[in-house]
C-alpha cells in the first residue's frame, strides 16, 4: 500500500520509499524532530531521494549531522 505523504502519521520508523514527496506534512515532522532551523535544500533533498533505503529517522540524523 502506497503511503500518502500528505496526510499519513509519520514516525522515525516510516520508510522513505520510491513515492516519497517533500510535503508540508514531512516538513512539519522534520521541524518537530530537528528544530525550527530545519530547511530543505537541493543537496539534502537529493540525498533523501538517492534510492538508498532509509527511514525518516535516518533523514533526521543526516540533517543533524550536516548542521
N, C-alpha and C. Protein backbone atom coordinates (compact mmCIF):
# COMPACT_ATOMS: atom_id res chain seq x y z
N UNK A 1 0.84 -1.18 0.00
CA UNK A 1 0.00 0.00 0.00
C UNK A 1 0.89 1.25 0.00
N UNK A 2 0.57 2.16 -0.87
CA UNK A 2 1.36 3.39 -1.02
C UNK A 2 1.03 4.37 0.12
N UNK A 3 2.07 4.93 0.71
CA UNK A 3 1.92 5.90 1.79
C UNK A 3 1.48 7.25 1.22
N UNK A 4 0.52 7.88 1.86
CA UNK A 4 0.10 9.23 1.47
C UNK A 4 0.95 10.21 2.26
N UNK A 5 1.99 10.75 1.61
CA UNK A 5 2.93 11.64 2.28
C UNK A 5 2.29 12.95 2.72
N UNK A 6 1.11 13.26 2.19
CA UNK A 6 0.42 14.50 2.55
C UNK A 6 -0.32 14.39 3.89
N UNK A 7 -0.77 13.18 4.24
CA UNK A 7 -1.62 13.09 5.43
C UNK A 7 -1.28 11.95 6.39
N UNK A 8 -0.34 11.10 6.05
CA UNK A 8 -0.01 9.96 6.91
C UNK A 8 0.59 10.43 8.23
N UNK A 9 0.38 9.65 9.27
CA UNK A 9 1.06 9.88 10.54
C UNK A 9 2.49 9.39 10.36
N UNK A 10 3.44 10.29 10.50
CA UNK A 10 4.85 9.97 10.25
C UNK A 10 5.58 9.74 11.56
N UNK A 11 6.49 8.78 11.54
CA UNK A 11 7.35 8.49 12.70
C UNK A 11 8.77 8.32 12.19
N UNK A 12 9.69 8.21 13.11
CA UNK A 12 11.09 7.98 12.72
C UNK A 12 11.25 6.63 12.02
N UNK A 13 10.31 5.71 12.22
CA UNK A 13 10.38 4.40 11.59
C UNK A 13 9.75 4.37 10.20
N UNK A 14 9.11 5.44 9.78
CA UNK A 14 8.49 5.49 8.45
C UNK A 14 9.56 5.31 7.38
N UNK A 15 9.33 4.37 6.48
CA UNK A 15 10.28 4.08 5.41
C UNK A 15 10.12 5.09 4.28
N UNK A 16 11.23 5.63 3.83
CA UNK A 16 11.25 6.54 2.69
C UNK A 16 11.26 5.65 1.45
N UNK A 17 10.14 5.62 0.74
CA UNK A 17 10.02 4.74 -0.42
C UNK A 17 10.17 5.52 -1.73
N UNK A 18 10.01 4.82 -2.83
CA UNK A 18 10.18 5.45 -4.15
C UNK A 18 9.13 6.52 -4.43
N UNK A 19 8.04 6.54 -3.66
CA UNK A 19 6.98 7.52 -3.85
C UNK A 19 7.10 8.71 -2.90
N UNK A 20 8.22 8.80 -2.18
CA UNK A 20 8.44 9.88 -1.22
C UNK A 20 8.25 11.25 -1.87
N UNK A 21 7.61 12.14 -1.12
CA UNK A 21 7.43 13.53 -1.57
C UNK A 21 7.76 14.47 -0.42
N UNK A 22 8.39 15.59 -0.75
CA UNK A 22 8.69 16.63 0.25
C UNK A 22 7.43 17.46 0.47
N UNK A 23 6.54 16.96 1.31
CA UNK A 23 5.26 17.64 1.54
C UNK A 23 5.33 18.50 2.80
N UNK A 24 4.30 19.30 3.01
CA UNK A 24 4.20 20.08 4.25
C UNK A 24 4.11 19.16 5.45
N UNK A 25 3.48 18.00 5.29
CA UNK A 25 3.40 17.01 6.37
C UNK A 25 4.80 16.54 6.77
N UNK A 26 5.62 16.25 5.78
CA UNK A 26 7.01 15.83 6.05
C UNK A 26 7.78 16.97 6.69
N UNK A 27 7.60 18.17 6.16
CA UNK A 27 8.31 19.33 6.72
C UNK A 27 7.93 19.55 8.19
N UNK A 28 6.63 19.45 8.51
CA UNK A 28 6.21 19.59 9.91
C UNK A 28 6.88 18.55 10.79
N UNK A 29 6.92 17.30 10.32
CA UNK A 29 7.57 16.24 11.08
C UNK A 29 9.04 16.55 11.30
N UNK A 30 9.74 16.98 10.24
CA UNK A 30 11.17 17.24 10.36
C UNK A 30 11.46 18.46 11.23
N UNK A 31 10.63 19.48 11.18
CA UNK A 31 10.79 20.63 12.08
C UNK A 31 10.62 20.17 13.53
N UNK A 32 9.64 19.32 13.76
CA UNK A 32 9.40 18.78 15.11
C UNK A 32 10.61 17.99 15.61
N UNK A 33 11.23 17.21 14.74
CA UNK A 33 12.35 16.36 15.11
C UNK A 33 13.70 17.10 15.14
N UNK A 34 13.87 18.06 14.22
CA UNK A 34 15.16 18.72 14.04
C UNK A 34 15.22 20.12 14.62
N UNK A 35 14.09 20.72 14.87
CA UNK A 35 14.05 22.08 15.39
C UNK A 35 13.63 23.08 14.33
N UNK A 36 13.33 24.27 14.78
CA UNK A 36 12.81 25.34 13.91
C UNK A 36 13.78 25.75 12.81
N UNK A 37 15.05 25.44 12.97
CA UNK A 37 16.02 25.83 11.95
C UNK A 37 16.04 24.87 10.75
N UNK A 38 15.23 23.80 10.81
CA UNK A 38 15.22 22.85 9.70
C UNK A 38 14.81 23.53 8.40
N UNK A 39 15.55 23.22 7.33
CA UNK A 39 15.23 23.69 5.97
C UNK A 39 15.62 22.60 4.98
N UNK A 40 14.80 22.44 3.94
CA UNK A 40 15.19 21.59 2.82
C UNK A 40 16.15 22.39 1.95
N UNK A 41 17.16 21.75 1.42
CA UNK A 41 17.97 22.35 0.35
C UNK A 41 18.15 21.29 -0.72
N UNK A 42 18.64 21.69 -1.87
CA UNK A 42 18.71 20.76 -3.00
C UNK A 42 19.56 19.54 -2.72
N UNK A 43 20.72 19.72 -2.11
CA UNK A 43 21.60 18.59 -1.82
C UNK A 43 20.94 17.61 -0.86
N UNK A 44 20.27 18.15 0.16
CA UNK A 44 19.62 17.29 1.14
C UNK A 44 18.45 16.55 0.50
N UNK A 45 17.66 17.23 -0.30
CA UNK A 45 16.54 16.57 -0.97
C UNK A 45 17.05 15.48 -1.91
N UNK A 46 18.16 15.72 -2.59
CA UNK A 46 18.75 14.70 -3.46
C UNK A 46 19.20 13.50 -2.64
N UNK A 47 19.78 13.74 -1.47
CA UNK A 47 20.21 12.65 -0.60
C UNK A 47 19.01 11.82 -0.17
N UNK A 48 17.91 12.47 0.20
CA UNK A 48 16.71 11.74 0.63
C UNK A 48 16.24 10.81 -0.49
N UNK A 49 16.28 11.28 -1.72
CA UNK A 49 15.74 10.51 -2.85
C UNK A 49 16.80 9.72 -3.62
N UNK A 50 17.92 9.38 -3.00
CA UNK A 50 19.04 8.76 -3.72
C UNK A 50 18.91 7.25 -3.91
N UNK A 51 17.74 6.70 -3.72
CA UNK A 51 17.48 5.26 -3.93
C UNK A 51 18.18 4.34 -2.93
N UNK A 52 18.69 4.90 -1.85
CA UNK A 52 19.24 4.09 -0.77
C UNK A 52 18.15 3.96 0.29
N UNK A 53 17.88 2.72 0.73
CA UNK A 53 16.81 2.52 1.70
C UNK A 53 17.12 3.26 2.99
N UNK A 54 16.11 3.99 3.47
CA UNK A 54 16.27 4.74 4.72
C UNK A 54 14.91 4.98 5.35
N UNK A 55 14.93 5.41 6.60
CA UNK A 55 13.71 5.79 7.31
C UNK A 55 13.75 7.29 7.56
N UNK A 56 12.64 7.82 8.02
CA UNK A 56 12.65 9.24 8.38
C UNK A 56 13.59 9.50 9.56
N UNK A 57 13.81 8.50 10.40
CA UNK A 57 14.81 8.63 11.46
C UNK A 57 16.20 8.83 10.88
N UNK A 58 16.51 8.11 9.82
CA UNK A 58 17.80 8.30 9.13
C UNK A 58 17.89 9.71 8.55
N UNK A 59 16.78 10.20 8.01
CA UNK A 59 16.74 11.55 7.44
C UNK A 59 17.02 12.58 8.53
N UNK A 60 16.38 12.42 9.69
CA UNK A 60 16.60 13.32 10.82
C UNK A 60 18.07 13.32 11.22
N UNK A 61 18.64 12.14 11.38
CA UNK A 61 20.04 12.04 11.82
C UNK A 61 21.00 12.63 10.79
N UNK A 62 20.72 12.44 9.51
CA UNK A 62 21.58 13.01 8.47
C UNK A 62 21.51 14.53 8.48
N UNK A 63 20.30 15.07 8.66
CA UNK A 63 20.17 16.54 8.70
C UNK A 63 20.96 17.08 9.90
N UNK A 64 20.82 16.44 11.05
CA UNK A 64 21.55 16.89 12.24
C UNK A 64 23.07 16.77 12.03
N UNK A 65 23.51 15.72 11.34
CA UNK A 65 24.93 15.54 11.08
C UNK A 65 25.47 16.66 10.21
N UNK A 66 24.65 17.14 9.27
CA UNK A 66 25.09 18.19 8.35
C UNK A 66 25.12 19.58 8.99
N UNK A 67 24.53 19.72 10.14
CA UNK A 67 24.45 21.05 10.77
C UNK A 67 25.66 21.36 11.61
